[in-house]
Amino acid sequence: MNNLKEAIKKADNIVFLTGAGVSVPSGIPDYRSKNGLYAGMSSPEYMLSHTCLTREPEKFYQFVMENMYYPDAVPNLIHTKMAEMESKKNVTIITQNIDGLHEKAGSKKVVNFHGSLYHCYCQKCGMSVPAEDYLKSDIHSECSGIVRPDVVLYEEAIPERAIDQSLEAMRQADLIVIVGTSFRVSPFCNLTDYRNNKARVFAVNKERISLPYPFEMIENDAVKVFAEI
């Protein structure tokens, strides 16, 4: 942990790559752990797919309402520490999470790689719809179109803008910190292939991860690690 603390002090351009483990302390379950969102479900990937949204919008909406939204969740210490660093460093957060907690914590440079549940729009007219309205109904009051959250579903591509912003940040970073993710989901896990080769890479995760290049592993609870930063 001391190595990471020292690396953060010395770095000018930091990129945090964050996954579901960062939001678990805020009461939002991850996806694939034994107590995660997918536990005991037979076809969760289908429920969060473009096909389900198109063919069975009612089923999609019910699943999302029951399992994805945690509007009362608040940022935890990991989120707030990352936000605080922006006042002293050039910090970019590239997150797999779709819960908006990095922004709630005050972070400004956030790339929502998989979109955000709190950006919603009507598929018929294209109009933005407040998430508060979507939580009440997926039917757009203006045109009776189906509203959806602006998140990347299974079978959908990552937005080009998110990829461009991520690659630019990776090229500029002199420190990359992977936090709360097994780092196996592509293309998110491929972002480090485009890193500045001089950048130091750390991973903070409860379970050890494997990477095909030199990095420093901190196998610990990220809350404990960030409490000491």
C-alpha atoms as a PDB file:
ATOM      1  CA  MET A   1       0.000   0.000   0.000  1.00  0.00           C
ATOM      2  CA  ASN A   2       2.891   2.338   0.707  1.00  0.00           C
ATOM      3  CA  ASN A   3       4.128   1.830  -2.856  1.00  0.00           C
ATOM      4  CA  LEU A   4       0.755   2.943  -4.225  1.00  0.00           C
ATOM      5  CA  LYS A   5       0.626   5.921  -1.892  1.00  0.00           C
ATOM      6  CA  GLU A   6       4.061   7.026  -3.044  1.00  0.00           C
ATOM      7  CA  ALA A   7       3.210   6.431  -6.703  1.00  0.00           C
ATOM      8  CA  ILE A   8       0.105   8.633  -6.408  1.00  0.00           C
ATOM      9  CA  LYS A   9       2.186  11.408  -4.834  1.00  0.00           C
ATOM     10  CA  LYS A  10       4.680  11.339  -7.690  1.00  0.00           C
ATOM     11  CA  ALA A  11       2.207  10.944 -10.560  1.00  0.00           C
ATOM     12  CA  ASP A  12       0.878  13.845 -12.620  1.00  0.00           C
ATOM     13  CA  ASN A  13      -1.658  11.996 -14.780  1.00  0.00           C
ATOM     14  CA  ILE A  14      -3.592   9.220 -13.050  1.00  0.00           C
ATOM     15  CA  VAL A  15      -6.150   6.896 -14.583  1.00  0.00           C
ATOM     16  CA  PHE A  16      -8.389   4.813 -12.347  1.00  0.00           C
ATOM     17  CA  LEU A  17     -10.053   1.841 -14.056  1.00  0.00           C
ATOM     18  CA  THR A  18     -12.953   0.927 -11.786  1.00  0.00           C
ATOM     19  CA  GLY A  19     -15.321  -2.029 -11.653  1.00  0.00           C
ATOM     20  CA  ALA A  20     -18.277  -3.316  -9.661  1.00  0.00           C
ATOM     21  CA  GLY A  21     -16.202  -3.906  -6.512  1.00  0.00           C
ATOM     22  CA  VAL A  22     -15.904  -0.148  -6.059  1.00  0.00           C
ATOM     23  CA  SER A  23     -19.678   0.201  -5.616  1.00  0.00           C
ATOM     24  CA  VAL A  24     -20.262  -2.882  -3.435  1.00  0.00           C
ATOM     25  CA  PRO A  25     -19.467  -0.903  -0.227  1.00  0.00           C
ATOM     26  CA  SER A  26     -22.274   1.479  -1.259  1.00  0.00           C
ATOM     27  CA  GLY A  27     -24.753  -1.408  -1.199  1.00  0.00           C
ATOM     28  CA  ILE A  28     -24.809  -2.131  -4.935  1.00  0.00           C
ATOM     29  CA  PRO A  29     -24.150  -5.812  -5.682  1.00  0.00           C
ATOM     30  CA  ASP A  30     -21.589  -6.878  -8.237  1.00  0.00           C
ATOM     31  CA  TYR A  31     -22.561  -9.213 -11.053  1.00  0.00           C
ATOM     32  CA  ARG A  32     -20.811 -12.546 -10.841  1.00  0.00           C
ATOM     33  CA  SER A  33     -19.809 -13.193  -7.216  1.00  0.00           C
ATOM     34  CA  LYS A  34     -21.729 -15.767  -5.150  1.00  0.00           C
ATOM     35  CA  ASN A  35     -23.933 -12.978  -3.769  1.00  0.00           C
ATOM     36  CA  GLY A  36     -23.956 -10.943  -6.961  1.00  0.00           C
ATOM     37  CA  LEU A  37     -26.760  -9.873  -9.248  1.00  0.00           C
ATOM     38  CA  TYR A  38     -26.467 -12.941 -11.461  1.00  0.00           C
ATOM     39  CA  ALA A  39     -26.464 -15.467  -8.615  1.00  0.00           C
ATOM     40  CA  GLY A  40     -29.250 -18.020  -9.067  1.00  0.00           C
ATOM     41  CA  MET A  41     -30.488 -16.484 -12.314  1.00  0.00           C
ATOM     42  CA  SER A  42     -30.811 -18.659 -15.394  1.00  0.00           C
ATOM     43  CA  SER A  43     -30.457 -16.051 -18.142  1.00  0.00           C
ATOM     44  CA  PRO A  44     -29.394 -12.643 -16.784  1.00  0.00           C
ATOM     45  CA  GLU A  45     -27.403 -11.855 -19.935  1.00  0.00           C
ATOM     46  CA  TYR A  46     -30.582 -12.195 -21.991  1.00  0.00           C
ATOM     47  CA  MET A  47     -32.508  -9.929 -19.624  1.00  0.00           C
ATOM     48  CA  LEU A  48     -29.884  -7.233 -20.163  1.00  0.00           C
ATOM     49  CA  SER A  49     -29.627  -7.739 -23.915  1.00  0.00           C
ATOM     50  CA  HIS A  50     -30.672  -5.621 -26.873  1.00  0.00           C
ATOM     51  CA  THR A  51     -32.825  -8.553 -27.994  1.00  0.00           C
ATOM     52  CA  CYS A  52     -34.802  -8.571 -24.748  1.00  0.00           C
ATOM     53  CA  LEU A  53     -35.296  -4.807 -24.866  1.00  0.00           C
ATOM     54  CA  THR A  54     -36.580  -5.060 -28.447  1.00  0.00           C
ATOM     55  CA  ARG A  55     -38.701  -8.216 -28.216  1.00  0.00           C
ATOM     56  CA  GLU A  56     -39.893  -8.091 -24.619  1.00  0.00           C
ATOM     57  CA  PRO A  57     -39.598  -4.492 -23.380  1.00  0.00           C
ATOM     58  CA  GLU A  58     -41.899  -5.159 -20.420  1.00  0.00           C
ATOM     59  CA  LYS A  59     -39.687  -8.008 -19.207  1.00  0.00           C
ATOM     60  CA  PHE A  60     -36.556  -5.888 -19.713  1.00  0.00           C
ATOM     61  CA  TYR A  61     -38.068  -2.982 -17.791  1.00  0.00           C
ATOM     62  CA  GLN A  62     -39.183  -5.180 -14.909  1.00  0.00           C
ATOM     63  CA  PHE A  63     -35.722  -6.729 -14.594  1.00  0.00           C
ATOM     64  CA  VAL A  64     -33.978  -3.361 -14.664  1.00  0.00           C
ATOM     65  CA  MET A  65     -36.344  -1.855 -12.106  1.00  0.00           C
ATOM     66  CA  GLU A  66     -36.004  -4.790  -9.721  1.00  0.00           C
ATOM     67  CA  ASN A  67     -32.263  -5.316  -9.995  1.00  0.00           C
ATOM     68  CA  MET A  68     -30.309  -2.392 -11.414  1.00  0.00           C
ATOM     69  CA  TYR A  69     -31.430   0.862  -9.828  1.00  0.00           C
ATOM     70  CA  TYR A  70     -30.220   1.942  -6.381  1.00  0.00           C
ATOM     71  CA  PRO A  71     -31.157   5.638  -6.359  1.00  0.00           C
ATOM     72  CA  ASP A  72     -30.541   5.969  -2.608  1.00  0.00           C
ATOM     73  CA  ALA A  73     -26.968   4.628  -2.807  1.00  0.00           C
ATOM     74  CA  VAL A  74     -24.309   7.138  -1.799  1.00  0.00           C
ATOM     75  CA  PRO A  75     -20.624   7.288  -2.717  1.00  0.00           C
ATOM     76  CA  ASN A  76     -18.251   5.459  -0.412  1.00  0.00           C
ATOM     77  CA  LEU A  77     -14.717   6.291   0.632  1.00  0.00           C
ATOM     78  CA  ILE A  78     -13.203   4.962  -2.612  1.00  0.00           C
ATOM     79  CA  HIS A  79     -15.347   7.321  -4.694  1.00  0.00           C
ATOM     80  CA  THR A  80     -14.689  10.321  -2.470  1.00  0.00           C
ATOM     81  CA  LYS A  81     -10.924   9.762  -2.312  1.00  0.00           C
ATOM     82  CA  MET A  82     -10.710   9.611  -6.096  1.00  0.00           C
ATOM     83  CA  ALA A  83     -12.764  12.809  -6.357  1.00  0.00           C
ATOM     84  CA  GLU A  84     -10.508  14.582  -3.847  1.00  0.00           C
ATOM     85  CA  MET A  85      -7.423  13.790  -5.927  1.00  0.00           C
ATOM     86  CA  GLU A  86      -8.788  15.866  -8.816  1.00  0.00           C
ATOM     87  CA  SER A  87      -7.942  19.039  -6.914  1.00  0.00           C
ATOM     88  CA  LYS A  88      -4.246  18.117  -6.945  1.00  0.00           C
ATOM     89  CA  LYS A  89      -3.730  15.855  -9.970  1.00  0.00           C
ATOM     90  CA  ASN A  90      -4.980  15.292 -13.489  1.00  0.00           C
ATOM     91  CA  VAL A  91      -7.291  12.355 -12.723  1.00  0.00           C
ATOM     92  CA  THR A  92      -9.451  10.444 -15.180  1.00  0.00           C
ATOM     93  CA  ILE A  93     -11.811   7.701 -14.040  1.00  0.00           C
ATOM     94  CA  ILE A  94     -12.803   5.105 -16.616  1.00  0.00           C
ATOM     95  CA  THR A  95     -15.532   3.003 -15.084  1.00  0.00           C
ATOM     96  CA  GLN A  96     -17.491  -0.100 -15.973  1.00  0.00           C
ATOM     97  CA  ASN A  97     -20.087   0.963 -13.423  1.00  0.00           C
ATOM     98  CA  ILE A  98     -23.380   2.468 -14.545  1.00  0.00           C
ATOM     99  CA  ASP A  99     -24.541   3.788 -11.167  1.00  0.00           C
ATOM    100  CA  GLY A 100     -23.323   7.404 -11.378  1.00  0.00           C
ATOM    101  CA  LEU A 101     -21.597   7.288  -7.980  1.00  0.00           C
ATOM    102  CA  HIS A 102     -18.307   8.730  -9.220  1.00  0.00           C
ATOM    103  CA  GLU A 103     -20.167  11.824 -10.385  1.00  0.00           C
ATOM    104  CA  LYS A 104     -22.164  11.937  -7.149  1.00  0.00           C
ATOM    105  CA  ALA A 105     -18.854  12.016  -5.281  1.00  0.00           C
ATOM    106  CA  GLY A 106     -17.793  15.067  -7.281  1.00  0.00           C
ATOM    107  CA  SER A 107     -15.492  13.587  -9.923  1.00  0.00           C
ATOM    108  CA  LYS A 108     -15.567  15.621 -13.134  1.00  0.00           C
ATOM    109  CA  LYS A 109     -13.477  13.568 -15.589  1.00  0.00           C
ATOM    110  CA  VAL A 110     -15.438  10.326 -15.693  1.00  0.00           C
ATOM    111  CA  VAL A 111     -15.712   8.095 -18.737  1.00  0.00           C
ATOM    112  CA  ASN A 112     -18.770   5.879 -18.302  1.00  0.00           C
ATOM    113  CA  PHE A 113     -17.470   3.075 -20.500  1.00  0.00           C
ATOM    114  CA  HIS A 114     -20.741   1.152 -20.309  1.00  0.00           C
ATOM    115  CA  GLY A 115     -23.020   4.182 -20.071  1.00  0.00           C
ATOM    116  CA  SER A 116     -25.159   5.371 -17.164  1.00  0.00           C
ATOM    117  CA  LEU A 117     -28.513   4.327 -15.748  1.00  0.00           C
ATOM    118  CA  TYR A 118     -29.174   7.996 -15.003  1.00  0.00           C
ATOM    119  CA  HIS A 119     -29.081   9.053 -18.657  1.00  0.00           C
ATOM    120  CA  CYS A 120     -32.299   7.882 -20.318  1.00  0.00           C
ATOM    121  CA  TYR A 121     -33.864   8.618 -23.666  1.00  0.00           C
ATOM    122  CA  CYS A 122     -36.894   7.752 -25.786  1.00  0.00           C
ATOM    123  CA  GLN A 123     -36.146   5.310 -28.585  1.00  0.00           C
ATOM    124  CA  LYS A 124     -38.939   6.747 -30.715  1.00  0.00           C
ATOM    125  CA  CYS A 125     -38.260  10.490 -30.652  1.00  0.00           C
ATOM    126  CA  GLY A 126     -34.739  10.540 -29.204  1.00  0.00           C
ATOM    127  CA  MET A 127     -35.650  12.998 -26.446  1.00  0.00           C
ATOM    128  CA  SER A 128     -33.786  12.811 -23.130  1.00  0.00           C
ATOM    129  CA  VAL A 129     -35.960  11.636 -20.271  1.00  0.00           C
ATOM    130  CA  PRO A 130     -35.181  12.240 -16.576  1.00  0.00           C
ATOM    131  CA  ALA A 131     -34.269   9.028 -14.774  1.00  0.00           C
ATOM    132  CA  GLU A 132     -36.925   9.895 -12.181  1.00  0.00           C
ATOM    133  CA  ASP A 133     -39.562   9.613 -14.915  1.00  0.00           C
ATOM    134  CA  TYR A 134     -38.120   6.329 -16.207  1.00  0.00           C
ATOM    135  CA  LEU A 135     -38.321   4.899 -12.698  1.00  0.00           C
ATOM    136  CA  LYS A 136     -42.083   5.482 -12.855  1.00  0.00           C
ATOM    137  CA  SER A 137     -42.708   4.277 -16.413  1.00  0.00           C
ATOM    138  CA  ASP A 138     -40.829   3.235 -19.543  1.00  0.00           C
ATOM    139  CA  ILE A 139     -43.486   4.857 -21.755  1.00  0.00           C
ATOM    140  CA  HIS A 140     -42.576   8.360 -22.892  1.00  0.00           C
ATOM    141  CA  SER A 141     -45.416  10.750 -22.046  1.00  0.00           C
ATOM    142  CA  GLU A 142     -44.638  12.946 -25.074  1.00  0.00           C
ATOM    143  CA  CYS A 143     -44.858  10.370 -27.863  1.00  0.00           C
ATOM    144  CA  SER A 144     -45.698   6.999 -26.247  1.00  0.00           C
ATOM    145  CA  GLY A 145     -42.287   5.620 -27.295  1.00  0.00           C
ATOM    146  CA  ILE A 146     -40.286   3.154 -25.190  1.00  0.00           C
ATOM    147  CA  VAL A 147     -37.724   4.798 -22.938  1.00  0.00           C
ATOM    148  CA  ARG A 148     -34.439   3.064 -22.188  1.00  0.00           C
ATOM    149  CA  PRO A 149     -31.390   3.827 -20.047  1.00  0.00           C
ATOM    150  CA  ASP A 150     -28.328   4.872 -22.021  1.00  0.00           C
ATOM    151  CA  VAL A 151     -26.285   1.821 -21.049  1.00  0.00           C
ATOM    152  CA  VAL A 152     -24.427  -0.677 -23.204  1.00  0.00           C
ATOM    153  CA  LEU A 153     -26.488  -3.862 -23.322  1.00  0.00           C
ATOM    154  CA  TYR A 154     -25.317  -7.283 -24.409  1.00  0.00           C
ATOM    155  CA  GLU A 155     -25.111  -7.294 -28.240  1.00  0.00           C
ATOM    156  CA  GLU A 156     -24.407  -3.550 -28.332  1.00  0.00           C
ATOM    157  CA  ALA A 157     -21.129  -1.776 -29.063  1.00  0.00           C
ATOM    158  CA  ILE A 158     -19.215   0.529 -26.750  1.00  0.00           C
ATOM    159  CA  PRO A 159     -19.806   4.156 -27.864  1.00  0.00           C
ATOM    160  CA  GLU A 160     -16.962   5.465 -29.996  1.00  0.00           C
ATOM    161  CA  ARG A 161     -16.657   8.587 -27.849  1.00  0.00           C
ATOM    162  CA  ALA A 162     -16.058   6.505 -24.715  1.00  0.00           C
ATOM    163  CA  ILE A 163     -13.356   4.508 -26.482  1.00  0.00           C
ATOM    164  CA  ASP A 164     -11.637   7.642 -27.819  1.00  0.00           C
ATOM    165  CA  GLN A 165     -11.666   9.358 -24.421  1.00  0.00           C
ATOM    166  CA  SER A 166     -10.362   6.224 -22.721  1.00  0.00           C
ATOM    167  CA  LEU A 167      -7.500   5.690 -25.157  1.00  0.00           C
ATOM    168  CA  GLU A 168      -6.431   9.321 -24.886  1.00  0.00           C
ATOM    169  CA  ALA A 169      -6.345   9.084 -21.096  1.00  0.00           C
ATOM    170  CA  MET A 170      -4.375   5.834 -21.228  1.00  0.00           C
ATOM    171  CA  ARG A 171      -1.744   7.371 -23.494  1.00  0.00           C
ATOM    172  CA  GLN A 172      -1.234  10.324 -21.160  1.00  0.00           C
ATOM    173  CA  ALA A 173      -1.226   8.437 -17.866  1.00  0.00           C
ATOM    174  CA  ASP A 174       1.942   7.953 -15.871  1.00  0.00           C
ATOM    175  CA  LEU A 175       0.017   5.911 -13.290  1.00  0.00           C
ATOM    176  CA  ILE A 176      -2.813   3.431 -13.890  1.00  0.00           C
ATOM    177  CA  VAL A 177      -4.736   1.941 -10.967  1.00  0.00           C
ATOM    178  CA  ILE A 178      -7.182  -0.902 -11.587  1.00  0.00           C
ATOM    179  CA  VAL A 179      -9.705  -1.051  -8.728  1.00  0.00           C
ATOM    180  CA  GLY A 180     -12.480  -3.480  -7.817  1.00  0.00           C
ATOM    181  CA  THR A 181     -12.574  -5.565 -10.965  1.00  0.00           C
ATOM    182  CA  SER A 182     -11.389  -8.977 -12.116  1.00  0.00           C
ATOM    183  CA  PHE A 183     -10.430  -7.137 -15.316  1.00  0.00           C
ATOM    184  CA  ARG A 184     -11.641  -9.878 -17.640  1.00  0.00           C
ATOM    185  CA  VAL A 185     -14.471  -8.195 -19.545  1.00  0.00           C
ATOM    186  CA  SER A 186     -13.458  -7.106 -23.037  1.00  0.00           C
ATOM    187  CA  PRO A 187     -12.941  -4.482 -24.364  1.00  0.00           C
ATOM    188  CA  PHE A 188     -12.531  -2.785 -20.972  1.00  0.00           C
ATOM    189  CA  CYS A 189      -9.677  -5.108 -20.010  1.00  0.00           C
ATOM    190  CA  ASN A 190      -7.919  -4.320 -23.302  1.00  0.00           C
ATOM    191  CA  LEU A 191      -7.549  -0.608 -22.536  1.00  0.00           C
ATOM    192  CA  THR A 192      -4.193  -1.110 -20.854  1.00  0.00           C
ATOM    193  CA  ASP A 193      -2.829  -2.448 -24.149  1.00  0.00           C
ATOM    194  CA  TYR A 194      -2.809   1.209 -25.237  1.00  0.00           C
ATOM    195  CA  ARG A 195      -1.149   2.581 -22.101  1.00  0.00           C
ATOM    196  CA  ASN A 196       1.889   4.793 -21.978  1.00  0.00           C
ATOM    197  CA  ASN A 197       4.670   2.203 -21.632  1.00  0.00           C
ATOM    198  CA  LYS A 198       6.326   4.300 -18.926  1.00  0.00           C
ATOM    199  CA  ALA A 199       3.207   4.213 -16.751  1.00  0.00           C
ATOM    200  CA  ARG A 200       3.269   2.241 -13.511  1.00  0.00           C
ATOM    201  CA  VAL A 201       0.333  -0.122 -13.145  1.00  0.00           C
ATOM    202  CA  PHE A 202      -1.283  -1.169  -9.855  1.00  0.00           C
ATOM    203  CA  ALA A 203      -4.278  -3.408  -9.210  1.00  0.00           C
ATOM    204  CA  VAL A 204      -6.351  -3.229  -6.039  1.00  0.00           C
ATOM    205  CA  ASN A 205      -8.778  -6.122  -5.727  1.00  0.00           C
ATOM    206  CA  LYS A 206      -9.884  -8.664  -3.129  1.00  0.00           C
ATOM    207  CA  GLU A 207      -8.885 -11.452  -5.501  1.00  0.00           C
ATOM    208  CA  ARG A 208      -5.620 -11.593  -7.382  1.00  0.00           C
ATOM    209  CA  ILE A 209      -5.841 -10.749 -11.054  1.00  0.00           C
ATOM    210  CA  SER A 210      -3.525 -11.744 -13.872  1.00  0.00           C
ATOM    211  CA  LEU A 211      -2.043  -9.342 -16.424  1.00  0.00           C
ATOM    212  CA  PRO A 212       0.403 -10.042 -19.274  1.00  0.00           C
ATOM    213  CA  TYR A 213       2.783  -7.237 -18.262  1.00  0.00           C
ATOM    214  CA  PRO A 214       4.532  -6.052 -15.079  1.00  0.00           C
ATOM    215  CA  PHE A 215       2.232  -4.606 -12.426  1.00  0.00           C
ATOM    216  CA  GLU A 216       1.940  -4.350  -8.661  1.00  0.00           C
ATOM    217  CA  MET A 217      -0.896  -6.321  -7.047  1.00  0.00           C
ATOM    218  CA  ILE A 218      -2.543  -5.196  -3.809  1.00  0.00           C
ATOM    219  CA  GLU A 219      -4.787  -8.086  -2.786  1.00  0.00           C
ATOM    220  CA  ASN A 220      -6.990  -6.320  -0.268  1.00  0.00           C
ATOM    221  CA  ASP A 221     -10.288  -4.545   0.314  1.00  0.00           C
ATOM    222  CA  ALA A 222     -10.159  -1.315  -1.708  1.00  0.00           C
ATOM    223  CA  VAL A 223     -11.875   0.625   1.094  1.00  0.00           C
ATOM    224  CA  LYS A 224      -9.021  -0.234   3.461  1.00  0.00           C
ATOM    225  CA  VAL A 225      -6.428   0.630   0.838  1.00  0.00           C
ATOM    226  CA  PHE A 226      -7.950   4.001  -0.043  1.00  0.00           C
ATOM    227  CA  ALA A 227      -8.422   4.855   3.638  1.00  0.00           C
ATOM    228  CA  GLU A 228      -4.644   4.990   3.892  1.00  0.00           C
ATOM    229  CA  ILE A 229      -4.078   7.061   0.764  1.00  0.00           C
END
